[in-house]
Amino acid sequence: MKLNLNKGKHFAFKILWLAAKHAFFMSIFIFLVAAALGLSIYYYENYSIEKAEINYSEAKTSFDQKAYDVLAGYWQKNSERFSQSDAKKYPDPFMLTGNKK
């Protein structure tokens, strides 16, 4: 079975030519398709799905002390490193030092 690519190219050319010939109507059509897609997504997300009630009093939480200690140590090291950078004086690259009047 041999596919005839010239027919496909000719058909695609006809479709594109028709779209270019009626550009205003095609832009309205594309806008309407985008609006319909957006409204369908909005409807699906907001109205068609029933909202689930979550009972927060039954939710169990746990505190991992080891992970907190690692994170607190990391924050402490960063805090020390950042506070050390405040003491260093950097030269101002925008000041001209050669031409003093």
PDB file of N, CA and C in Angstrom:
ATOM      1  N   MET A   1       0.834  -1.161   0.000  1.00  0.00           N
ATOM      2  CA  MET A   1       0.000   0.000   0.000  1.00  0.00           C
ATOM      3  C   MET A   1       0.890   1.239   0.000  1.00  0.00           C
ATOM      4  N   LYS A   2       0.769   2.050  -0.999  1.00  0.00           N
ATOM      5  CA  LYS A   2       1.588   3.227  -1.153  1.00  0.00           C
ATOM      6  C   LYS A   2       0.770   4.477  -0.818  1.00  0.00           C
ATOM      7  N   LEU A   3       1.332   5.324   0.039  1.00  0.00           N
ATOM      8  CA  LEU A   3       0.654   6.552   0.408  1.00  0.00           C
ATOM      9  C   LEU A   3       0.986   7.650  -0.604  1.00  0.00           C
ATOM     10  N   ASN A   4      -0.016   8.390  -0.980  1.00  0.00           N
ATOM     11  CA  ASN A   4       0.186   9.478  -1.913  1.00  0.00           C
ATOM     12  C   ASN A   4       0.338  10.770  -1.103  1.00  0.00           C
ATOM     13  N   LEU A   5       1.582  11.243  -0.963  1.00  0.00           N
ATOM     14  CA  LEU A   5       1.851  12.419  -0.166  1.00  0.00           C
ATOM     15  C   LEU A   5       1.425  13.702  -0.869  1.00  0.00           C
ATOM     16  N   ASN A   6       1.354  13.664  -2.186  1.00  0.00           N
ATOM     17  CA  ASN A   6       0.950  14.868  -2.913  1.00  0.00           C
ATOM     18  C   ASN A   6      -0.497  15.246  -2.600  1.00  0.00           C
ATOM     19  N   LYS A   7      -1.357  14.249  -2.405  1.00  0.00           N
ATOM     20  CA  LYS A   7      -2.750  14.540  -2.054  1.00  0.00           C
ATOM     21  C   LYS A   7      -2.829  15.199  -0.677  1.00  0.00           C
ATOM     22  N   GLY A   8      -2.046  14.695   0.253  1.00  0.00           N
ATOM     23  CA  GLY A   8      -2.021  15.266   1.600  1.00  0.00           C
ATOM     24  C   GLY A   8      -1.495  16.688   1.597  1.00  0.00           C
ATOM     25  N   LYS A   9      -0.430  16.927   0.821  1.00  0.00           N
ATOM     26  CA  LYS A   9       0.115  18.273   0.724  1.00  0.00           C
ATOM     27  C   LYS A   9      -0.888  19.207   0.077  1.00  0.00           C
ATOM     28  N   HIS A  10      -1.554  18.724  -0.953  1.00  0.00           N
ATOM     29  CA  HIS A  10      -2.547  19.550  -1.649  1.00  0.00           C
ATOM     30  C   HIS A  10      -3.721  19.890  -0.728  1.00  0.00           C
ATOM     31  N   PHE A  11      -4.160  18.918   0.066  1.00  0.00           N
ATOM     32  CA  PHE A  11      -5.257  19.138   1.005  1.00  0.00           C
ATOM     33  C   PHE A  11      -4.845  20.144   2.084  1.00  0.00           C
ATOM     34  N   ALA A  12      -3.638  19.987   2.631  1.00  0.00           N
ATOM     35  CA  ALA A  12      -3.154  20.909   3.652  1.00  0.00           C
ATOM     36  C   ALA A  12      -3.016  22.317   3.080  1.00  0.00           C
ATOM     37  N   PHE A  13      -2.527  22.413   1.852  1.00  0.00           N
ATOM     38  CA  PHE A  13      -2.407  23.715   1.200  1.00  0.00           C
ATOM     39  C   PHE A  13      -3.771  24.356   1.021  1.00  0.00           C
ATOM     40  N   LYS A  14      -4.776  23.574   0.647  1.00  0.00           N
ATOM     41  CA  LYS A  14      -6.128  24.110   0.477  1.00  0.00           C
ATOM     42  C   LYS A  14      -6.682  24.630   1.804  1.00  0.00           C
ATOM     43  N   ILE A  15      -6.477  23.877   2.884  1.00  0.00           N
ATOM     44  CA  ILE A  15      -6.969  24.282   4.195  1.00  0.00           C
ATOM     45  C   ILE A  15      -6.288  25.576   4.634  1.00  0.00           C
ATOM     46  N   LEU A  16      -4.972  25.647   4.483  1.00  0.00           N
ATOM     47  CA  LEU A  16      -4.245  26.846   4.886  1.00  0.00           C
ATOM     48  C   LEU A  16      -4.622  28.043   4.011  1.00  0.00           C
ATOM     49  N   TRP A  17      -4.832  27.810   2.724  1.00  0.00           N
ATOM     50  CA  TRP A  17      -5.238  28.879   1.816  1.00  0.00           C
ATOM     51  C   TRP A  17      -6.620  29.408   2.205  1.00  0.00           C
ATOM     52  N   LEU A  18      -7.520  28.508   2.544  1.00  0.00           N
ATOM     53  CA  LEU A  18      -8.860  28.903   2.956  1.00  0.00           C
ATOM     54  C   LEU A  18      -8.803  29.706   4.267  1.00  0.00           C
ATOM     55  N   ALA A  19      -7.943  29.279   5.205  1.00  0.00           N
ATOM     56  CA  ALA A  19      -7.797  29.992   6.471  1.00  0.00           C
ATOM     57  C   ALA A  19      -7.216  31.389   6.241  1.00  0.00           C
ATOM     58  N   ALA A  20      -6.259  31.519   5.347  1.00  0.00           N
ATOM     59  CA  ALA A  20      -5.661  32.820   5.067  1.00  0.00           C
ATOM     60  C   ALA A  20      -6.642  33.723   4.321  1.00  0.00           C
ATOM     61  N   LYS A  21      -7.449  33.148   3.464  1.00  0.00           N
ATOM     62  CA  LYS A  21      -8.408  33.920   2.681  1.00  0.00           C
ATOM     63  C   LYS A  21      -9.486  34.518   3.587  1.00  0.00           C
ATOM     64  N   HIS A  22      -9.863  33.798   4.621  1.00  0.00           N
ATOM     65  CA  HIS A  22     -10.884  34.242   5.568  1.00  0.00           C
ATOM     66  C   HIS A  22     -10.257  34.399   6.952  1.00  0.00           C
ATOM     67  N   ALA A  23      -9.252  35.258   7.059  1.00  0.00           N
ATOM     68  CA  ALA A  23      -8.462  35.383   8.286  1.00  0.00           C
ATOM     69  C   ALA A  23      -9.309  35.898   9.452  1.00  0.00           C
ATOM     70  N   PHE A  24     -10.198  36.851   9.188  1.00  0.00           N
ATOM     71  CA  PHE A  24     -11.011  37.402  10.271  1.00  0.00           C
ATOM     72  C   PHE A  24     -11.913  36.329  10.874  1.00  0.00           C
ATOM     73  N   PHE A  25     -12.565  35.563  10.026  1.00  0.00           N
ATOM     74  CA  PHE A  25     -13.454  34.510  10.520  1.00  0.00           C
ATOM     75  C   PHE A  25     -12.674  33.391  11.207  1.00  0.00           C
ATOM     76  N   MET A  26     -11.482  33.111  10.719  1.00  0.00           N
ATOM     77  CA  MET A  26     -10.657  32.083  11.365  1.00  0.00           C
ATOM     78  C   MET A  26     -10.202  32.559  12.747  1.00  0.00           C
ATOM     79  N   SER A  27      -9.888  33.850  12.868  1.00  0.00           N
ATOM     80  CA  SER A  27      -9.476  34.346  14.184  1.00  0.00           C
ATOM     81  C   SER A  27     -10.650  34.289  15.161  1.00  0.00           C
ATOM     82  N   ILE A  28     -11.858  34.593  14.690  1.00  0.00           N
ATOM     83  CA  ILE A  28     -13.042  34.471  15.550  1.00  0.00           C
ATOM     84  C   ILE A  28     -13.267  33.012  15.927  1.00  0.00           C
ATOM     85  N   PHE A  29     -13.104  32.104  14.973  1.00  0.00           N
ATOM     86  CA  PHE A  29     -13.273  30.674  15.227  1.00  0.00           C
ATOM     87  C   PHE A  29     -12.255  30.190  16.265  1.00  0.00           C
ATOM     88  N   ILE A  30     -10.991  30.589  16.130  1.00  0.00           N
ATOM     89  CA  ILE A  30      -9.954  30.167  17.076  1.00  0.00           C
ATOM     90  C   ILE A  30     -10.245  30.743  18.463  1.00  0.00           C
ATOM     91  N   PHE A  31     -10.716  32.002  18.523  1.00  0.00           N
ATOM     92  CA  PHE A  31     -11.077  32.596  19.794  1.00  0.00           C
ATOM     93  C   PHE A  31     -12.212  31.822  20.455  1.00  0.00           C
ATOM     94  N   LEU A  32     -13.216  31.455  19.681  1.00  0.00           N
ATOM     95  CA  LEU A  32     -14.359  30.722  20.236  1.00  0.00           C
ATOM     96  C   LEU A  32     -13.947  29.331  20.718  1.00  0.00           C
ATOM     97  N   VAL A  33     -13.059  28.675  19.972  1.00  0.00           N
ATOM     98  CA  VAL A  33     -12.575  27.360  20.398  1.00  0.00           C
ATOM     99  C   VAL A  33     -11.795  27.487  21.706  1.00  0.00           C
ATOM    100  N   ALA A  34     -10.943  28.520  21.810  1.00  0.00           N
ATOM    101  CA  ALA A  34     -10.169  28.722  23.046  1.00  0.00           C
ATOM    102  C   ALA A  34     -11.098  29.049  24.212  1.00  0.00           C
ATOM    103  N   ALA A  35     -12.121  29.876  23.960  1.00  0.00           N
ATOM    104  CA  ALA A  35     -13.070  30.219  25.029  1.00  0.00           C
ATOM    105  C   ALA A  35     -13.857  28.989  25.469  1.00  0.00           C
ATOM    106  N   ALA A  36     -14.272  28.155  24.510  1.00  0.00           N
ATOM    107  CA  ALA A  36     -15.014  26.946  24.863  1.00  0.00           C
ATOM    108  C   ALA A  36     -14.132  25.989  25.664  1.00  0.00           C
ATOM    109  N   LEU A  37     -12.874  25.878  25.285  1.00  0.00           N
ATOM    110  CA  LEU A  37     -11.949  25.017  26.028  1.00  0.00           C
ATOM    111  C   LEU A  37     -11.745  25.553  27.442  1.00  0.00           C
ATOM    112  N   GLY A  38     -11.562  26.856  27.576  1.00  0.00           N
ATOM    113  CA  GLY A  38     -11.382  27.449  28.903  1.00  0.00           C
ATOM    114  C   GLY A  38     -12.614  27.298  29.772  1.00  0.00           C
ATOM    115  N   LEU A  39     -13.796  27.496  29.192  1.00  0.00           N
ATOM    116  CA  LEU A  39     -15.023  27.331  29.964  1.00  0.00           C
ATOM    117  C   LEU A  39     -15.243  25.879  30.371  1.00  0.00           C
ATOM    118  N   SER A  40     -14.887  24.951  29.494  1.00  0.00           N
ATOM    119  CA  SER A  40     -15.057  23.539  29.864  1.00  0.00           C
ATOM    120  C   SER A  40     -14.117  23.161  31.006  1.00  0.00           C
ATOM    121  N   ILE A  41     -12.891  23.679  30.981  1.00  0.00           N
ATOM    122  CA  ILE A  41     -11.960  23.407  32.087  1.00  0.00           C
ATOM    123  C   ILE A  41     -12.465  24.050  33.373  1.00  0.00           C
ATOM    124  N   TYR A  42     -12.965  25.276  33.274  1.00  0.00           N
ATOM    125  CA  TYR A  42     -13.511  25.968  34.448  1.00  0.00           C
ATOM    126  C   TYR A  42     -14.699  25.196  35.021  1.00  0.00           C
ATOM    127  N   TYR A  43     -15.587  24.730  34.153  1.00  0.00           N
ATOM    128  CA  TYR A  43     -16.739  23.965  34.614  1.00  0.00           C
ATOM    129  C   TYR A  43     -16.294  22.675  35.285  1.00  0.00           C
ATOM    130  N   TYR A  44     -15.336  21.990  34.669  1.00  0.00           N
ATOM    131  CA  TYR A  44     -14.861  20.726  35.216  1.00  0.00           C
ATOM    132  C   TYR A  44     -14.246  20.924  36.592  1.00  0.00           C
ATOM    133  N   GLU A  45     -13.445  21.993  36.744  1.00  0.00           N
ATOM    134  CA  GLU A  45     -12.751  22.214  38.013  1.00  0.00           C
ATOM    135  C   GLU A  45     -13.663  22.728  39.113  1.00  0.00           C
ATOM    136  N   ASN A  46     -14.686  23.516  38.765  1.00  0.00           N
ATOM    137  CA  ASN A  46     -15.460  24.186  39.813  1.00  0.00           C
ATOM    138  C   ASN A  46     -16.835  23.583  40.069  1.00  0.00           C
ATOM    139  N   TYR A  47     -17.462  23.012  39.089  1.00  0.00           N
ATOM    140  CA  TYR A  47     -18.842  22.592  39.283  1.00  0.00           C
ATOM    141  C   TYR A  47     -19.068  21.080  39.191  1.00  0.00           C
ATOM    142  N   SER A  48     -18.343  20.402  38.339  1.00  0.00           N
ATOM    143  CA  SER A  48     -18.676  19.001  38.137  1.00  0.00           C
ATOM    144  C   SER A  48     -18.104  18.080  39.210  1.00  0.00           C
ATOM    145  N   ILE A  49     -17.058  18.504  39.888  1.00  0.00           N
ATOM    146  CA  ILE A  49     -16.447  17.671  40.928  1.00  0.00           C
ATOM    147  C   ILE A  49     -17.041  18.066  42.270  1.00  0.00           C
ATOM    148  N   GLU A  50     -17.535  17.093  43.005  1.00  0.00           N
ATOM    149  CA  GLU A  50     -18.085  17.375  44.327  1.00  0.00           C
ATOM    150  C   GLU A  50     -16.945  17.700  45.280  1.00  0.00           C
ATOM    151  N   LYS A  51     -17.179  18.675  46.103  1.00  0.00           N
ATOM    152  CA  LYS A  51     -16.164  19.080  47.065  1.00  0.00           C
ATOM    153  C   LYS A  51     -16.127  18.073  48.214  1.00  0.00           C
ATOM    154  N   ALA A  52     -14.947  17.603  48.520  1.00  0.00           N
ATOM    155  CA  ALA A  52     -14.784  16.628  49.599  1.00  0.00           C
ATOM    156  C   ALA A  52     -14.601  17.360  50.918  1.00  0.00           C
ATOM    157  N   GLU A  53     -15.278  16.896  51.922  1.00  0.00           N
ATOM    158  CA  GLU A  53     -15.140  17.456  53.253  1.00  0.00           C
ATOM    159  C   GLU A  53     -13.978  16.758  53.952  1.00  0.00           C
ATOM    160  N   ILE A  54     -13.060  17.550  54.473  1.00  0.00           N
ATOM    161  CA  ILE A  54     -11.893  17.008  55.153  1.00  0.00           C
ATOM    162  C   ILE A  54     -12.047  17.271  56.644  1.00  0.00           C
ATOM    163  N   ASN A  55     -11.904  16.223  57.420  1.00  0.00           N
ATOM    164  CA  ASN A  55     -11.988  16.348  58.864  1.00  0.00           C
ATOM    165  C   ASN A  55     -10.560  16.524  59.392  1.00  0.00           C
ATOM    166  N   TYR A  56     -10.228  17.758  59.753  1.00  0.00           N
ATOM    167  CA  TYR A  56      -8.873  18.059  60.161  1.00  0.00           C
ATOM    168  C   TYR A  56      -8.553  17.572  61.570  1.00  0.00           C
ATOM    169  N   SER A  57      -9.560  17.302  62.373  1.00  0.00           N
ATOM    170  CA  SER A  57      -9.286  16.842  63.729  1.00  0.00           C
ATOM    171  C   SER A  57      -8.734  15.417  63.724  1.00  0.00           C
ATOM    172  N   GLU A  58      -8.991  14.667  62.669  1.00  0.00           N
ATOM    173  CA  GLU A  58      -8.480  13.295  62.597  1.00  0.00           C
ATOM    174  C   GLU A  58      -7.100  13.230  61.954  1.00  0.00           C
ATOM    175  N   ALA A  59      -6.639  14.326  61.395  1.00  0.00           N
ATOM    176  CA  ALA A  59      -5.334  14.312  60.749  1.00  0.00           C
ATOM    177  C   ALA A  59      -4.246  14.177  61.806  1.00  0.00           C
ATOM    178  N   LYS A  60      -3.337  13.254  61.584  1.00  0.00           N
ATOM    179  CA  LYS A  60      -2.273  13.011  62.544  1.00  0.00           C
ATOM    180  C   LYS A  60      -0.998  13.678  62.029  1.00  0.00           C
ATOM    181  N   THR A  61      -0.376  14.430  62.885  1.00  0.00           N
ATOM    182  CA  THR A  61       0.874  15.087  62.538  1.00  0.00           C
ATOM    183  C   THR A  61       1.975  14.527  63.403  1.00  0.00           C
ATOM    184  N   SER A  62       3.173  14.571  62.893  1.00  0.00           N
ATOM    185  CA  SER A  62       4.317  14.112  63.667  1.00  0.00           C
ATOM    186  C   SER A  62       5.455  15.110  63.479  1.00  0.00           C
ATOM    187  N   PHE A  63       6.311  15.196  64.446  1.00  0.00           N
ATOM    188  CA  PHE A  63       7.438  16.115  64.415  1.00  0.00           C
ATOM    189  C   PHE A  63       8.710  15.299  64.438  1.00  0.00           C
ATOM    190  N   ASP A  64       9.518  15.464  63.416  1.00  0.00           N
ATOM    191  CA  ASP A  64      10.771  14.720  63.319  1.00  0.00           C
ATOM    192  C   ASP A  64      11.896  15.596  63.887  1.00  0.00           C
ATOM    193  N   GLN A  65      12.322  15.288  65.099  1.00  0.00           N
ATOM    194  CA  GLN A  65      13.313  16.111  65.794  1.00  0.00           C
ATOM    195  C   GLN A  65      14.661  16.056  65.094  1.00  0.00           C
ATOM    196  N   LYS A  66      15.043  14.895  64.565  1.00  0.00           N
ATOM    197  CA  LYS A  66      16.346  14.770  63.897  1.00  0.00           C
ATOM    198  C   LYS A  66      16.403  15.654  62.653  1.00  0.00           C
ATOM    199  N   ALA A  67      15.342  15.634  61.860  1.00  0.00           N
ATOM    200  CA  ALA A  67      15.308  16.468  60.657  1.00  0.00           C
ATOM    201  C   ALA A  67      15.326  17.944  61.019  1.00  0.00           C
ATOM    202  N   TYR A  68      14.632  18.312  62.100  1.00  0.00           N
ATOM    203  CA  TYR A  68      14.625  19.705  62.544  1.00  0.00           C
ATOM    204  C   TYR A  68      16.016  20.130  62.996  1.00  0.00           C
ATOM    205  N   ASP A  69      16.728  19.256  63.716  1.00  0.00           N
ATOM    206  CA  ASP A  69      18.074  19.588  64.175  1.00  0.00           C
ATOM    207  C   ASP A  69      19.027  19.790  63.001  1.00  0.00           C
ATOM    208  N   VAL A  70      18.917  18.950  61.984  1.00  0.00           N
ATOM    209  CA  VAL A  70      19.757  19.104  60.786  1.00  0.00           C
ATOM    210  C   VAL A  70      19.454  20.430  60.106  1.00  0.00           C
ATOM    211  N   LEU A  71      18.185  20.742  59.965  1.00  0.00           N
ATOM    212  CA  LEU A  71      17.780  21.984  59.315  1.00  0.00           C
ATOM    213  C   LEU A  71      18.199  23.203  60.136  1.00  0.00           C
ATOM    214  N   ALA A  72      18.055  23.136  61.446  1.00  0.00           N
ATOM    215  CA  ALA A  72      18.465  24.245  62.304  1.00  0.00           C
ATOM    216  C   ALA A  72      19.973  24.452  62.223  1.00  0.00           C
ATOM    217  N   GLY A  73      20.742  23.374  62.166  1.00  0.00           N
ATOM    218  CA  GLY A  73      22.197  23.491  62.009  1.00  0.00           C
ATOM    219  C   GLY A  73      22.573  24.136  60.689  1.00  0.00           C
ATOM    220  N   TYR A  74      21.864  23.767  59.650  1.00  0.00           N
ATOM    221  CA  TYR A  74      22.110  24.346  58.322  1.00  0.00           C
ATOM    222  C   TYR A  74      21.803  25.838  58.338  1.00  0.00           C
ATOM    223  N   TRP A  75      20.709  26.226  58.972  1.00  0.00           N
ATOM    224  CA  TRP A  75      20.352  27.645  59.070  1.00  0.00           C
ATOM    225  C   TRP A  75      21.393  28.415  59.892  1.00  0.00           C
ATOM    226  N   GLN A  76      21.872  27.803  60.953  1.00  0.00           N
ATOM    227  CA  GLN A  76      22.880  28.451  61.798  1.00  0.00           C
ATOM    228  C   GLN A  76      24.167  28.672  61.016  1.00  0.00           C
ATOM    229  N   LYS A  77      24.615  27.673  60.244  1.00  0.00           N
ATOM    230  CA  LYS A  77      25.837  27.821  59.440  1.00  0.00           C
ATOM    231  C   LYS A  77      25.669  28.923  58.406  1.00  0.00           C
ATOM    232  N   ASN A  78      24.507  28.959  57.753  1.00  0.00           N
ATOM    233  CA  ASN A  78      24.271  30.009  56.762  1.00  0.00           C
ATOM    234  C   ASN A  78      24.234  31.379  57.416  1.00  0.00           C
ATOM    235  N   SER A  79      23.620  31.478  58.578  1.00  0.00           N
ATOM    236  CA  SER A  79      23.547  32.749  59.290  1.00  0.00           C
ATOM    237  C   SER A  79      24.945  33.243  59.647  1.00  0.00           C
ATOM    238  N   GLU A  80      25.803  32.353  60.126  1.00  0.00           N
ATOM    239  CA  GLU A  80      27.176  32.728  60.465  1.00  0.00           C
ATOM    240  C   GLU A  80      27.936  33.158  59.217  1.00  0.00           C
ATOM    241  N   ARG A  81      27.781  32.435  58.144  1.00  0.00           N
ATOM    242  CA  ARG A  81      28.480  32.765  56.900  1.00  0.00           C
ATOM    243  C   ARG A  81      28.025  34.116  56.361  1.00  0.00           C
ATOM    244  N   PHE A  82      26.728  34.393  56.415  1.00  0.00           N
ATOM    245  CA  PHE A  82      26.217  35.659  55.927  1.00  0.00           C
ATOM    246  C   PHE A  82      26.635  36.818  56.834  1.00  0.00           C
ATOM    247  N   SER A  83      26.705  36.585  58.137  1.00  0.00           N
ATOM    248  CA  SER A  83      27.112  37.662  59.044  1.00  0.00           C
ATOM    249  C   SER A  83      28.596  37.975  58.863  1.00  0.00           C
ATOM    250  N   GLN A  84      29.416  37.012  58.483  1.00  0.00           N
ATOM    251  CA  GLN A  84      30.835  37.258  58.231  1.00  0.00           C
ATOM    252  C   GLN A  84      31.027  38.094  56.968  1.00  0.00           C
ATOM    253  N   SER A  85      30.133  37.972  56.021  1.00  0.00           N
ATOM    254  CA  SER A  85      30.299  38.724  54.780  1.00  0.00           C
ATOM    255  C   SER A  85      30.010  40.200  54.975  1.00  0.00           C
ATOM    256  N   ASP A  86      29.302  40.588  56.033  1.00  0.00           N
ATOM    257  CA  ASP A  86      29.024  41.999  56.299  1.00  0.00           C
ATOM    258  C   ASP A  86      30.290  42.748  56.717  1.00  0.00           C
ATOM    259  N   ALA A  87      31.237  42.058  57.340  1.00  0.00           N
ATOM    260  CA  ALA A  87      32.422  42.709  57.863  1.00  0.00           C
ATOM    261  C   ALA A  87      33.431  43.024  56.759  1.00  0.00           C
ATOM    262  N   LYS A  88      33.377  42.363  55.650  1.00  0.00           N
ATOM    263  CA  LYS A  88      34.353  42.559  54.596  1.00  0.00           C
ATOM    264  C   LYS A  88      34.011  43.819  53.810  1.00  0.00           C
ATOM    265  N   LYS A  89      35.014  44.658  53.572  1.00  0.00           N
ATOM    266  CA  LYS A  89      34.824  45.889  52.820  1.00  0.00           C
ATOM    267  C   LYS A  89      35.235  45.643  51.364  1.00  0.00           C
ATOM    268  N   TYR A  90      34.309  45.868  50.460  1.00  0.00           N
ATOM    269  CA  TYR A  90      34.583  45.714  49.044  1.00  0.00           C
ATOM    270  C   TYR A  90      34.798  47.081  48.417  1.00  0.00           C
ATOM    271  N   PRO A  91      35.738  47.206  47.480  1.00  0.00           N
ATOM    272  CA  PRO A  91      35.953  48.506  46.826  1.00  0.00           C
ATOM    273  C   PRO A  91      34.776  48.842  45.913  1.00  0.00           C
ATOM    274  N   ASP A  92      34.482  50.127  45.825  1.00  0.00           N
ATOM    275  CA  ASP A  92      33.380  50.584  44.985  1.00  0.00           C
ATOM    276  C   ASP A  92      33.867  50.638  43.543  1.00  0.00           C
ATOM    277  N   PRO A  93      33.309  49.829  42.641  1.00  0.00           N
ATOM    278  CA  PRO A  93      33.800  49.818  41.256  1.00  0.00           C
ATOM    279  C   PRO A  93      33.397  51.062  40.471  1.00  0.00           C
ATOM    280  N   PHE A  94      32.506  51.889  41.000  1.00  0.00           N
ATOM    281  CA  PHE A  94      32.032  53.056  40.277  1.00  0.00           C
ATOM    282  C   PHE A  94      32.764  54.336  40.653  1.00  0.00           C
ATOM    283  N   MET A  95      33.629  54.263  41.635  1.00  0.00           N
ATOM    284  CA  MET A  95      34.401  55.449  42.048  1.00  0.00           C
ATOM    285  C   MET A  95      35.685  55.515  41.231  1.00  0.00           C
ATOM    286  N   LEU A  96      35.973  56.710  40.741  1.00  0.00           N
ATOM    287  CA  LEU A  96      37.225  56.921  40.007  1.00  0.00           C
ATOM    288  C   LEU A  96      38.299  57.301  41.024  1.00  0.00           C
ATOM    289  N   THR A  97      39.334  56.484  41.106  1.00  0.00           N
ATOM    290  CA  THR A  97      40.377  56.760  42.098  1.00  0.00           C
ATOM    291  C   THR A  97      41.536  57.514  41.482  1.00  0.00           C
ATOM    292  N   GLY A  98      41.681  57.513  40.177  1.00  0.00           N
ATOM    293  CA  GLY A  98      42.821  58.158  39.527  1.00  0.00           C
ATOM    294  C   GLY A  98      42.647  59.639  39.326  1.00  0.00           C
ATOM    295  N   ASN A  99      41.441  60.150  39.168  1.00  0.00           N
ATOM    296  CA  ASN A  99      41.205  61.549  38.869  1.00  0.00           C
ATOM    297  C   ASN A  99      40.606  62.260  40.078  1.00  0.00           C
ATOM    298  N   LYS A 100      41.444  62.652  41.000  1.00  0.00           N
ATOM    299  CA  LYS A 100      40.953  63.398  42.163  1.00  0.00           C
ATOM    300  C   LYS A 100      41.198  64.867  41.929  1.00  0.00           C
ATOM    301  N   LYS A 101      40.209  65.689  42.116  1.00  0.00           N
ATOM    302  CA  LYS A 101      40.356  67.136  41.904  1.00  0.00           C
ATOM    303  C   LYS A 101      40.367  67.866  43.209  1.00  0.00           C
TER     304      LYS A 101
END
